[in-house]
N, C-alpha and C. Protein backbone atom coordinates (compact mmCIF):
# COMPACT_ATOMS: atom_id res chain seq x y z
N UNK A 1 33.04 45.81 251.09
CA UNK A 1 33.50 44.51 250.65
C UNK A 1 34.88 44.28 251.25
N UNK A 2 35.05 43.18 251.92
CA UNK A 2 36.32 42.86 252.54
C UNK A 2 37.18 42.04 251.58
N UNK A 3 38.45 42.39 251.51
CA UNK A 3 39.40 41.63 250.71
C UNK A 3 40.53 41.18 251.62
N UNK A 4 40.93 39.92 251.54
CA UNK A 4 42.11 39.48 252.30
C UNK A 4 43.33 40.28 251.85
N UNK A 5 44.31 40.48 252.72
CA UNK A 5 45.48 41.27 252.35
C UNK A 5 46.15 40.82 251.05
N UNK A 6 46.28 39.51 250.85
CA UNK A 6 46.93 39.01 249.64
C UNK A 6 46.18 39.46 248.39
N UNK A 7 44.86 39.39 248.43
CA UNK A 7 44.04 39.81 247.30
C UNK A 7 44.13 41.33 247.11
N UNK A 8 44.06 42.08 248.20
CA UNK A 8 44.15 43.54 248.11
C UNK A 8 45.47 43.96 247.48
N UNK A 9 46.56 43.33 247.89
CA UNK A 9 47.87 43.65 247.30
C UNK A 9 47.90 43.23 245.83
N UNK A 10 47.21 42.15 245.48
CA UNK A 10 47.11 41.74 244.09
C UNK A 10 46.37 42.76 243.25
N UNK A 11 45.32 43.34 243.79
CA UNK A 11 44.61 44.40 243.06
C UNK A 11 45.54 45.59 242.87
N UNK A 12 46.28 45.94 243.91
CA UNK A 12 47.19 47.09 243.82
C UNK A 12 48.28 46.86 242.77
N UNK A 13 48.79 45.64 242.65
CA UNK A 13 49.86 45.41 241.66
C UNK A 13 49.33 44.95 240.31
N UNK A 14 48.01 44.80 240.18
CA UNK A 14 47.39 44.46 238.92
C UNK A 14 47.26 42.98 238.62
N UNK A 15 47.75 42.12 239.52
CA UNK A 15 47.66 40.68 239.27
C UNK A 15 46.29 40.10 239.60
N UNK A 16 45.46 40.84 240.35
CA UNK A 16 44.10 40.42 240.68
C UNK A 16 43.15 41.50 240.16
N UNK A 17 42.19 41.08 239.34
CA UNK A 17 41.22 42.03 238.77
C UNK A 17 39.77 41.63 239.04
N UNK A 18 39.58 40.46 239.63
CA UNK A 18 38.23 39.97 239.90
C UNK A 18 38.10 39.46 241.32
N UNK A 19 36.88 39.46 241.81
CA UNK A 19 36.54 38.78 243.06
C UNK A 19 35.19 38.11 242.82
N UNK A 20 34.97 37.01 243.49
CA UNK A 20 33.69 36.30 243.39
C UNK A 20 33.09 36.19 244.77
N UNK A 21 31.81 36.49 244.85
CA UNK A 21 31.08 36.42 246.11
C UNK A 21 29.72 35.82 245.85
N UNK A 22 29.19 35.15 246.88
CA UNK A 22 27.81 34.67 246.84
C UNK A 22 27.04 35.50 247.85
N UNK A 23 26.09 36.27 247.35
CA UNK A 23 25.26 37.16 248.17
C UNK A 23 23.80 36.92 247.86
N UNK A 24 22.97 37.09 248.87
CA UNK A 24 21.52 37.02 248.64
C UNK A 24 21.08 38.19 247.77
N UNK A 25 21.67 39.36 248.00
CA UNK A 25 21.45 40.52 247.12
C UNK A 25 22.78 41.22 246.94
N UNK A 26 22.91 41.92 245.85
CA UNK A 26 24.18 42.56 245.49
C UNK A 26 24.65 43.47 246.61
N UNK A 27 25.90 43.27 247.03
CA UNK A 27 26.43 43.97 248.20
C UNK A 27 27.22 45.23 247.84
N UNK A 28 27.68 45.36 246.60
CA UNK A 28 28.45 46.54 246.19
C UNK A 28 27.92 47.03 244.84
N UNK A 29 28.16 48.29 244.57
CA UNK A 29 27.71 48.91 243.33
C UNK A 29 28.92 49.35 242.50
N UNK A 30 28.83 49.28 241.17
CA UNK A 30 29.91 49.81 240.33
C UNK A 30 30.17 51.28 240.66
N UNK A 31 31.43 51.63 240.71
CA UNK A 31 31.82 52.99 241.06
C UNK A 31 32.14 53.19 242.52
N UNK A 32 31.71 52.25 243.37
CA UNK A 32 32.01 52.40 244.80
C UNK A 32 33.48 52.10 245.05
N UNK A 33 34.02 52.70 246.10
CA UNK A 33 35.41 52.51 246.48
C UNK A 33 35.47 52.16 247.96
N UNK A 34 36.48 51.38 248.32
CA UNK A 34 36.66 51.02 249.72
C UNK A 34 38.14 50.88 250.01
N UNK A 35 38.48 51.11 251.28
CA UNK A 35 39.88 51.05 251.71
C UNK A 35 40.26 49.63 252.06
N UNK A 36 41.49 49.28 251.70
CA UNK A 36 42.07 47.98 252.05
C UNK A 36 43.46 48.22 252.60
N UNK A 37 44.13 47.15 252.99
CA UNK A 37 45.50 47.29 253.49
C UNK A 37 46.45 47.76 252.39
N UNK A 38 46.06 47.61 251.12
CA UNK A 38 46.93 47.99 250.00
C UNK A 38 46.51 49.31 249.37
N UNK A 39 45.54 49.98 249.91
CA UNK A 39 45.07 51.24 249.35
C UNK A 39 43.60 51.17 249.02
N UNK A 40 43.17 52.06 248.15
CA UNK A 40 41.76 52.16 247.80
C UNK A 40 41.48 51.30 246.57
N UNK A 41 40.43 50.48 246.66
CA UNK A 41 40.02 49.60 245.57
C UNK A 41 38.67 50.09 245.05
N UNK A 42 38.54 50.11 243.73
CA UNK A 42 37.30 50.55 243.08
C UNK A 42 36.57 49.33 242.50
N UNK A 43 35.25 49.34 242.61
CA UNK A 43 34.41 48.33 241.97
C UNK A 43 34.04 48.88 240.59
N UNK A 44 34.51 48.20 239.54
CA UNK A 44 34.24 48.67 238.17
C UNK A 44 32.98 48.05 237.58
N UNK A 45 32.67 46.82 237.95
CA UNK A 45 31.48 46.15 237.41
C UNK A 45 31.08 45.03 238.34
N UNK A 46 29.79 44.70 238.33
CA UNK A 46 29.25 43.59 239.11
C UNK A 46 28.23 42.87 238.23
N UNK A 47 28.36 41.56 238.14
CA UNK A 47 27.39 40.79 237.36
C UNK A 47 27.19 39.41 237.99
N UNK A 48 25.99 38.88 237.81
CA UNK A 48 25.69 37.53 238.26
C UNK A 48 26.19 36.57 237.19
N UNK A 49 26.89 35.52 237.62
CA UNK A 49 27.42 34.52 236.68
C UNK A 49 26.92 33.14 237.07
N UNK A 50 26.82 32.28 236.04
CA UNK A 50 26.39 30.91 236.28
C UNK A 50 27.56 30.00 236.58
N UNK A 51 28.73 30.36 236.05
CA UNK A 51 29.89 29.50 236.23
C UNK A 51 31.14 30.36 236.31
N UNK A 52 32.22 29.74 236.78
CA UNK A 52 33.51 30.40 236.90
C UNK A 52 34.51 29.62 236.07
N UNK A 53 35.23 30.33 235.21
CA UNK A 53 36.24 29.67 234.38
C UNK A 53 37.58 29.66 235.10
N UNK A 54 38.50 28.82 234.60
CA UNK A 54 39.86 28.83 235.16
C UNK A 54 40.50 30.20 234.99
N UNK A 55 40.26 30.83 233.84
CA UNK A 55 40.82 32.16 233.58
C UNK A 55 40.30 33.17 234.61
N UNK A 56 38.99 33.12 234.89
CA UNK A 56 38.40 34.01 235.90
C UNK A 56 39.01 33.74 237.28
N UNK A 57 39.17 32.46 237.61
CA UNK A 57 39.71 32.10 238.92
C UNK A 57 41.12 32.66 239.10
N UNK A 58 41.95 32.53 238.07
CA UNK A 58 43.32 33.07 238.14
C UNK A 58 43.27 34.58 238.30
N UNK A 59 42.37 35.25 237.59
CA UNK A 59 42.24 36.71 237.71
C UNK A 59 41.76 37.12 239.10
N UNK A 60 41.17 36.16 239.84
CA UNK A 60 40.72 36.42 241.21
C UNK A 60 41.75 35.96 242.25
N UNK A 61 42.91 35.50 241.77
CA UNK A 61 43.97 35.09 242.69
C UNK A 61 43.92 33.64 243.11
N UNK A 62 43.11 32.83 242.44
CA UNK A 62 42.99 31.40 242.75
C UNK A 62 43.77 30.59 241.72
N UNK A 63 44.25 29.40 242.08
CA UNK A 63 45.00 28.60 241.11
C UNK A 63 44.12 28.04 239.99
N UNK A 64 42.85 27.74 240.30
CA UNK A 64 41.94 27.20 239.28
C UNK A 64 40.50 27.35 239.74
N UNK A 65 39.57 27.13 238.81
CA UNK A 65 38.15 27.31 239.09
C UNK A 65 37.62 26.31 240.12
N UNK A 66 38.15 25.09 240.11
CA UNK A 66 37.66 24.07 241.05
C UNK A 66 37.84 24.52 242.50
N UNK A 67 39.00 25.09 242.80
CA UNK A 67 39.25 25.54 244.19
C UNK A 67 38.38 26.74 244.55
N UNK A 68 38.21 27.64 243.59
CA UNK A 68 37.34 28.79 243.85
C UNK A 68 35.90 28.35 244.06
N UNK A 69 35.42 27.42 243.22
CA UNK A 69 34.05 26.91 243.38
C UNK A 69 33.86 26.27 244.75
N UNK A 70 34.87 25.53 245.20
CA UNK A 70 34.78 24.88 246.51
C UNK A 70 34.61 25.93 247.61
N UNK A 71 35.36 27.03 247.51
CA UNK A 71 35.23 28.11 248.48
C UNK A 71 33.84 28.75 248.40
N UNK A 72 33.36 28.98 247.20
CA UNK A 72 32.04 29.60 247.03
C UNK A 72 30.93 28.69 247.53
N UNK A 73 31.13 27.39 247.46
CA UNK A 73 30.11 26.44 247.90
C UNK A 73 29.92 26.42 249.41
N UNK A 74 30.78 27.14 250.14
CA UNK A 74 30.63 27.23 251.60
C UNK A 74 29.40 28.03 252.00
N UNK A 75 28.83 28.79 251.07
CA UNK A 75 27.62 29.57 251.35
C UNK A 75 26.42 28.67 251.12
N UNK A 76 25.56 28.56 252.12
CA UNK A 76 24.41 27.66 252.04
C UNK A 76 23.26 28.30 251.28
N UNK A 77 22.45 27.47 250.67
CA UNK A 77 21.24 27.92 250.01
C UNK A 77 21.46 28.28 248.56
N UNK A 78 20.36 28.63 247.92
CA UNK A 78 20.38 29.00 246.51
C UNK A 78 20.70 30.49 246.41
N UNK A 79 21.98 30.80 246.44
CA UNK A 79 22.44 32.18 246.46
C UNK A 79 23.24 32.43 245.18
N UNK A 80 22.95 33.53 244.46
CA UNK A 80 23.67 33.77 243.21
C UNK A 80 25.16 34.07 243.45
N UNK A 81 25.95 33.77 242.41
CA UNK A 81 27.38 34.09 242.42
C UNK A 81 27.59 35.38 241.65
N UNK A 82 28.27 36.33 242.28
CA UNK A 82 28.56 37.62 241.66
C UNK A 82 30.03 37.68 241.28
N UNK A 83 30.28 38.14 240.06
CA UNK A 83 31.64 38.42 239.60
C UNK A 83 31.83 39.93 239.73
N UNK A 84 32.82 40.32 240.52
CA UNK A 84 33.07 41.72 240.80
C UNK A 84 34.41 42.09 240.15
N UNK A 85 34.37 43.04 239.23
CA UNK A 85 35.58 43.52 238.57
C UNK A 85 36.15 44.66 239.41
N UNK A 86 37.44 44.54 239.74
CA UNK A 86 38.10 45.47 240.65
C UNK A 86 39.29 46.16 239.99
N UNK A 87 39.60 47.35 240.46
CA UNK A 87 40.83 48.03 240.05
C UNK A 87 41.35 48.84 241.24
N UNK A 88 42.63 49.15 241.18
CA UNK A 88 43.26 49.93 242.25
C UNK A 88 43.00 51.40 241.97
N UNK A 89 42.48 52.12 242.95
CA UNK A 89 42.15 53.54 242.78
C UNK A 89 43.20 54.46 243.37
N UNK A 90 44.21 53.90 244.03
CA UNK A 90 45.28 54.73 244.59
C UNK A 90 45.54 54.42 246.05
N UNK A 91 46.52 55.11 246.61
CA UNK A 91 46.85 54.87 248.02
C UNK A 91 45.75 55.37 248.95
N UNK A 92 45.73 54.83 250.14
CA UNK A 92 44.78 55.26 251.17
C UNK A 92 45.13 56.71 251.53
N UNK A 93 44.21 57.66 251.34
CA UNK A 93 44.52 59.06 251.63
C UNK A 93 44.84 59.32 253.09
N UNK A 94 44.44 58.41 253.98
CA UNK A 94 44.75 58.61 255.40
C UNK A 94 46.24 58.48 255.68
N UNK A 95 46.96 57.75 254.81
CA UNK A 95 48.40 57.57 255.02
C UNK A 95 49.11 58.91 254.89
N UNK A 96 48.85 59.63 253.80
CA UNK A 96 49.46 60.95 253.62
C UNK A 96 48.99 61.91 254.69
N UNK A 97 47.70 61.85 255.04
CA UNK A 97 47.15 62.75 256.04
C UNK A 97 47.85 62.57 257.38
N UNK A 98 48.03 61.33 257.82
CA UNK A 98 48.61 61.11 259.15
C UNK A 98 50.08 61.51 259.22
N UNK A 99 50.75 61.60 258.08
CA UNK A 99 52.15 62.00 258.07
C UNK A 99 52.31 63.52 258.01
N UNK A 100 51.22 64.25 257.70
CA UNK A 100 51.31 65.70 257.56
C UNK A 100 51.22 66.37 258.93
N UNK A 101 52.38 66.70 259.47
CA UNK A 101 52.45 67.24 260.83
C UNK A 101 52.55 68.76 260.86
N UNK A 102 52.65 69.41 259.72
CA UNK A 102 52.73 70.88 259.68
C UNK A 102 51.33 71.44 259.73
N UNK A 103 50.80 71.60 260.94
CA UNK A 103 49.42 72.04 261.11
C UNK A 103 49.35 73.55 261.24
N UNK A 104 48.39 74.13 260.54
CA UNK A 104 48.10 75.56 260.70
C UNK A 104 47.13 75.73 261.87
N UNK A 105 46.93 76.96 262.27
CA UNK A 105 45.93 77.22 263.31
C UNK A 105 44.55 76.76 262.86
N UNK A 106 44.27 76.93 261.57
CA UNK A 106 42.97 76.50 261.03
C UNK A 106 42.84 74.98 261.08
N UNK A 107 43.95 74.26 260.82
CA UNK A 107 43.93 72.79 260.91
C UNK A 107 43.61 72.35 262.33
N UNK A 108 44.27 72.96 263.30
CA UNK A 108 44.05 72.61 264.71
C UNK A 108 42.59 72.90 265.09
N UNK A 109 42.09 74.06 264.68
CA UNK A 109 40.70 74.41 264.99
C UNK A 109 39.73 73.43 264.35
N UNK A 110 40.02 72.99 263.13
CA UNK A 110 39.14 72.03 262.45
C UNK A 110 39.15 70.69 263.16
N UNK A 111 40.32 70.24 263.59
CA UNK A 111 40.41 68.97 264.33
C UNK A 111 39.69 69.11 265.67
N UNK A 112 39.90 70.23 266.35
CA UNK A 112 39.19 70.49 267.62
C UNK A 112 37.68 70.33 267.41
N UNK A 113 37.16 70.95 266.36
CA UNK A 113 35.72 70.92 266.11
C UNK A 113 35.24 69.49 265.83
N UNK A 114 36.00 68.75 265.06
CA UNK A 114 35.61 67.37 264.73
C UNK A 114 35.62 66.49 265.99
N UNK A 115 36.64 66.65 266.83
CA UNK A 115 36.72 65.85 268.05
C UNK A 115 35.62 66.24 269.03
N UNK A 116 35.33 67.52 269.12
CA UNK A 116 34.23 67.96 269.99
C UNK A 116 32.90 67.37 269.52
N UNK A 117 32.71 67.32 268.20
CA UNK A 117 31.49 66.73 267.65
C UNK A 117 31.40 65.24 268.00
N UNK A 118 32.54 64.53 267.89
CA UNK A 118 32.55 63.10 268.25
C UNK A 118 32.23 62.91 269.73
N UNK A 119 32.79 63.77 270.58
CA UNK A 119 32.53 63.68 272.01
C UNK A 119 31.05 63.94 272.33
N UNK A 120 30.47 64.95 271.69
CA UNK A 120 29.06 65.28 271.93
C UNK A 120 28.14 64.16 271.47
N UNK A 121 28.49 63.49 270.37
CA UNK A 121 27.64 62.43 269.81
C UNK A 121 27.78 61.10 270.55
N UNK A 122 28.74 61.00 271.43
CA UNK A 122 29.03 59.73 272.11
C UNK A 122 28.02 59.42 273.20
N UNK A 123 27.63 58.16 273.28
CA UNK A 123 26.71 57.73 274.34
C UNK A 123 27.45 57.48 275.65
N UNK A 124 28.77 57.44 275.60
CA UNK A 124 29.55 57.17 276.81
C UNK A 124 30.39 58.38 277.25
N UNK A 125 30.08 59.55 276.76
CA UNK A 125 30.76 60.76 277.19
C UNK A 125 31.99 61.08 276.36
N UNK A 126 32.65 62.15 276.74
CA UNK A 126 33.84 62.61 276.02
C UNK A 126 34.93 61.53 276.11
N UNK A 127 35.49 61.18 274.97
CA UNK A 127 36.47 60.09 274.92
C UNK A 127 37.70 60.42 274.08
N UNK A 128 37.61 61.40 273.19
CA UNK A 128 38.65 61.58 272.17
C UNK A 128 40.02 61.90 272.76
N UNK A 129 40.09 62.88 273.64
CA UNK A 129 41.39 63.29 274.17
C UNK A 129 41.98 62.21 275.09
N UNK A 130 41.12 61.57 275.88
CA UNK A 130 41.60 60.50 276.77
C UNK A 130 42.14 59.34 275.95
N UNK A 131 41.48 59.03 274.84
CA UNK A 131 41.93 57.92 273.99
C UNK A 131 43.25 58.27 273.31
N UNK A 132 43.36 59.47 272.77
CA UNK A 132 44.62 59.89 272.16
C UNK A 132 45.76 59.85 273.18
N UNK A 133 45.49 60.34 274.39
CA UNK A 133 46.52 60.34 275.42
C UNK A 133 46.93 58.92 275.80
N UNK A 134 45.97 58.03 275.93
CA UNK A 134 46.26 56.64 276.28
C UNK A 134 47.11 55.98 275.20
N UNK A 135 46.74 56.16 273.94
CA UNK A 135 47.51 55.56 272.84
C UNK A 135 48.91 56.17 272.79
N UNK A 136 49.03 57.47 273.05
CA UNK A 136 50.35 58.11 273.08
C UNK A 136 51.23 57.51 274.17
N UNK A 137 50.64 57.26 275.33
CA UNK A 137 51.41 56.71 276.46
C UNK A 137 51.70 55.23 276.32
N UNK A 138 50.81 54.49 275.61
CA UNK A 138 50.94 53.04 275.53
C UNK A 138 50.86 52.55 274.09
N UNK A 139 51.83 52.97 273.25
CA UNK A 139 51.79 52.53 271.85
C UNK A 139 51.96 51.02 271.74
N UNK A 140 51.39 50.45 270.69
CA UNK A 140 51.51 49.02 270.37
C UNK A 140 50.98 48.12 271.49
N UNK A 141 50.02 48.64 272.24
CA UNK A 141 49.37 47.85 273.29
C UNK A 141 48.08 47.27 272.71
N UNK A 142 47.78 46.03 273.07
CA UNK A 142 46.58 45.36 272.55
C UNK A 142 45.32 46.17 272.84
N UNK A 143 44.43 46.21 271.86
CA UNK A 143 43.18 46.96 272.00
C UNK A 143 42.36 46.53 273.22
N UNK A 144 42.26 45.21 273.52
CA UNK A 144 41.49 44.83 274.71
C UNK A 144 42.08 45.42 276.01
N UNK A 145 43.41 45.53 276.06
CA UNK A 145 44.05 46.09 277.26
C UNK A 145 43.78 47.59 277.37
N UNK A 146 43.85 48.29 276.23
CA UNK A 146 43.55 49.73 276.25
C UNK A 146 42.09 49.97 276.61
N UNK A 147 41.20 49.18 276.02
CA UNK A 147 39.77 49.33 276.29
C UNK A 147 39.49 49.11 277.78
N UNK A 148 40.09 48.05 278.34
CA UNK A 148 39.87 47.75 279.76
C UNK A 148 40.36 48.91 280.63
N UNK A 149 41.49 49.50 280.26
CA UNK A 149 42.01 50.63 281.04
C UNK A 149 41.04 51.81 281.04
N UNK A 150 40.26 51.93 279.96
CA UNK A 150 39.28 53.01 279.87
C UNK A 150 37.91 52.58 280.37
N UNK A 151 37.80 51.31 280.84
CA UNK A 151 36.52 50.81 281.33
C UNK A 151 35.51 50.59 280.21
N UNK A 152 36.01 50.21 279.04
CA UNK A 152 35.15 50.02 277.87
C UNK A 152 35.31 48.62 277.31
N UNK A 153 34.34 48.22 276.48
CA UNK A 153 34.45 46.96 275.76
C UNK A 153 35.33 47.17 274.54
N UNK A 154 35.99 46.09 274.11
CA UNK A 154 36.95 46.17 273.02
C UNK A 154 36.37 46.68 271.71
N UNK A 155 35.27 46.10 271.24
CA UNK A 155 34.78 46.44 269.91
C UNK A 155 34.33 47.90 269.79
N UNK A 156 33.54 48.44 270.72
CA UNK A 156 33.21 49.86 270.62
C UNK A 156 34.44 50.77 270.73
N UNK A 157 35.41 50.35 271.54
CA UNK A 157 36.66 51.11 271.65
C UNK A 157 37.37 51.15 270.30
N UNK A 158 37.46 50.00 269.63
CA UNK A 158 38.14 49.94 268.33
C UNK A 158 37.41 50.79 267.29
N UNK A 159 36.10 50.83 267.34
CA UNK A 159 35.34 51.68 266.41
C UNK A 159 35.70 53.14 266.64
N UNK A 160 35.82 53.53 267.90
CA UNK A 160 36.19 54.91 268.20
C UNK A 160 37.61 55.22 267.72
N UNK A 161 38.54 54.30 267.93
CA UNK A 161 39.91 54.54 267.46
C UNK A 161 39.93 54.67 265.94
N UNK A 162 39.10 53.90 265.25
CA UNK A 162 39.01 54.02 263.79
C UNK A 162 38.58 55.44 263.39
N UNK A 163 37.73 56.06 264.18
CA UNK A 163 37.31 57.45 263.89
C UNK A 163 38.51 58.39 264.00
N UNK A 164 39.38 58.14 264.96
CA UNK A 164 40.59 58.95 265.09
C UNK A 164 41.54 58.69 263.92
N UNK A 165 41.61 57.43 263.50
CA UNK A 165 42.45 57.07 262.36
C UNK A 165 41.96 57.75 261.09
N UNK A 166 40.64 57.83 260.91
CA UNK A 166 40.08 58.48 259.73
C UNK A 166 40.43 59.97 259.68
N UNK A 167 40.70 60.57 260.82
CA UNK A 167 41.13 61.97 260.88
C UNK A 167 42.65 62.11 260.75
N UNK A 168 43.34 60.98 260.60
CA UNK A 168 44.80 61.01 260.45
C UNK A 168 45.55 61.16 261.76
N UNK A 169 44.88 60.92 262.89
CA UNK A 169 45.51 61.15 264.20
C UNK A 169 46.19 59.91 264.78
N UNK A 170 45.81 58.74 264.32
CA UNK A 170 46.43 57.50 264.81
C UNK A 170 46.74 56.59 263.63
N UNK A 171 47.52 55.58 263.90
CA UNK A 171 47.73 54.51 262.91
C UNK A 171 47.68 53.18 263.63
N UNK A 172 47.25 52.18 262.90
CA UNK A 172 47.06 50.85 263.46
C UNK A 172 48.21 49.94 263.08
N UNK A 173 48.47 48.97 263.96
CA UNK A 173 49.49 47.96 263.72
C UNK A 173 48.86 46.59 263.99
N UNK A 174 49.62 45.54 263.72
CA UNK A 174 49.09 44.21 264.02
C UNK A 174 48.72 44.11 265.48
N UNK A 175 49.51 44.72 266.32
CA UNK A 175 49.19 44.81 267.74
C UNK A 175 49.15 46.28 268.11
N UNK A 176 47.98 46.76 268.39
CA UNK A 176 47.82 48.10 268.93
C UNK A 176 47.89 49.24 267.93
N UNK A 177 48.10 50.42 268.48
CA UNK A 177 48.07 51.66 267.73
C UNK A 177 49.22 52.55 268.19
N UNK A 178 49.39 53.65 267.46
CA UNK A 178 50.23 54.73 267.95
C UNK A 178 49.65 56.03 267.43
N UNK A 179 49.98 57.12 268.10
CA UNK A 179 49.55 58.43 267.63
C UNK A 179 50.46 58.79 266.46
N UNK A 180 49.86 59.23 265.37
CA UNK A 180 50.59 59.56 264.15
C UNK A 180 51.36 60.87 264.33
N UNK A 181 52.27 61.18 263.39
CA UNK A 181 52.93 62.50 263.44
C UNK A 181 51.92 63.65 263.46
N UNK A 182 50.85 63.54 262.67
CA UNK A 182 49.80 64.57 262.68
C UNK A 182 49.14 64.64 264.06
N UNK A 183 48.87 63.47 264.64
CA UNK A 183 48.25 63.43 265.96
C UNK A 183 49.14 64.04 267.03
N UNK A 184 50.44 63.74 266.96
CA UNK A 184 51.38 64.32 267.93
C UNK A 184 51.45 65.84 267.79
N UNK A 185 51.50 66.31 266.54
CA UNK A 185 51.52 67.76 266.31
C UNK A 185 50.25 68.40 266.84
N UNK A 186 49.12 67.72 266.63
CA UNK A 186 47.85 68.24 267.14
C UNK A 186 47.86 68.31 268.66
N UNK A 187 48.31 67.26 269.32
CA UNK A 187 48.34 67.24 270.79
C UNK A 187 49.23 68.34 271.36
N UNK A 188 50.29 68.68 270.64
CA UNK A 188 51.17 69.76 271.11
C UNK A 188 50.52 71.13 270.95
N UNK A 189 49.61 71.29 270.01
CA UNK A 189 49.07 72.60 269.68
C UNK A 189 47.68 72.88 270.25
N UNK A 190 46.91 71.82 270.55
CA UNK A 190 45.52 72.05 270.97
C UNK A 190 45.46 72.53 272.42
N UNK A 191 44.37 73.24 272.72
CA UNK A 191 44.10 73.65 274.09
C UNK A 191 43.11 72.71 274.76
N UNK A 192 42.60 71.72 274.00
CA UNK A 192 41.65 70.76 274.57
C UNK A 192 42.40 69.84 275.55
N UNK A 193 41.67 69.40 276.57
CA UNK A 193 42.30 68.48 277.52
C UNK A 193 41.48 67.23 277.63
């Protein structure tokens, strides 16, 4: 479930506790968690509703129900409206991971194994070390420019960089990426090229 940054930050500070979506079938389950720009958000409950009150709209970050209904009406067809109760589950664990630069030999070996697995599973060949090196050399460079330098399309390139981010090796910015402290420590210690 995607949340705009303003809504995600509202969930984190407690000012937003609901979201409304129109789906053909329920898209999230109670208990599921997902990462946002403000940390991890948990889905506490999901129910189909016939109407939205002003109180509900305010809890979803809207000024009133009329404006929220107008937004929901952008979905065509007879599609149910779901009220999703949300809570903040904590900070994104990747943030702490990417800052942890004190790597043991076992940490380096584990990262080596994960990157080797990603390289083996790739349809376009080994990419992990070349991508880390490129981001290290060209921080805050637009993803389309980095992808072109590697002879790749932007979207598959970004998916691969997200895999590195999930391992705590990179971090994303509005424009481009950089290798995280953990990633830099890894590059200094690994024997992979």
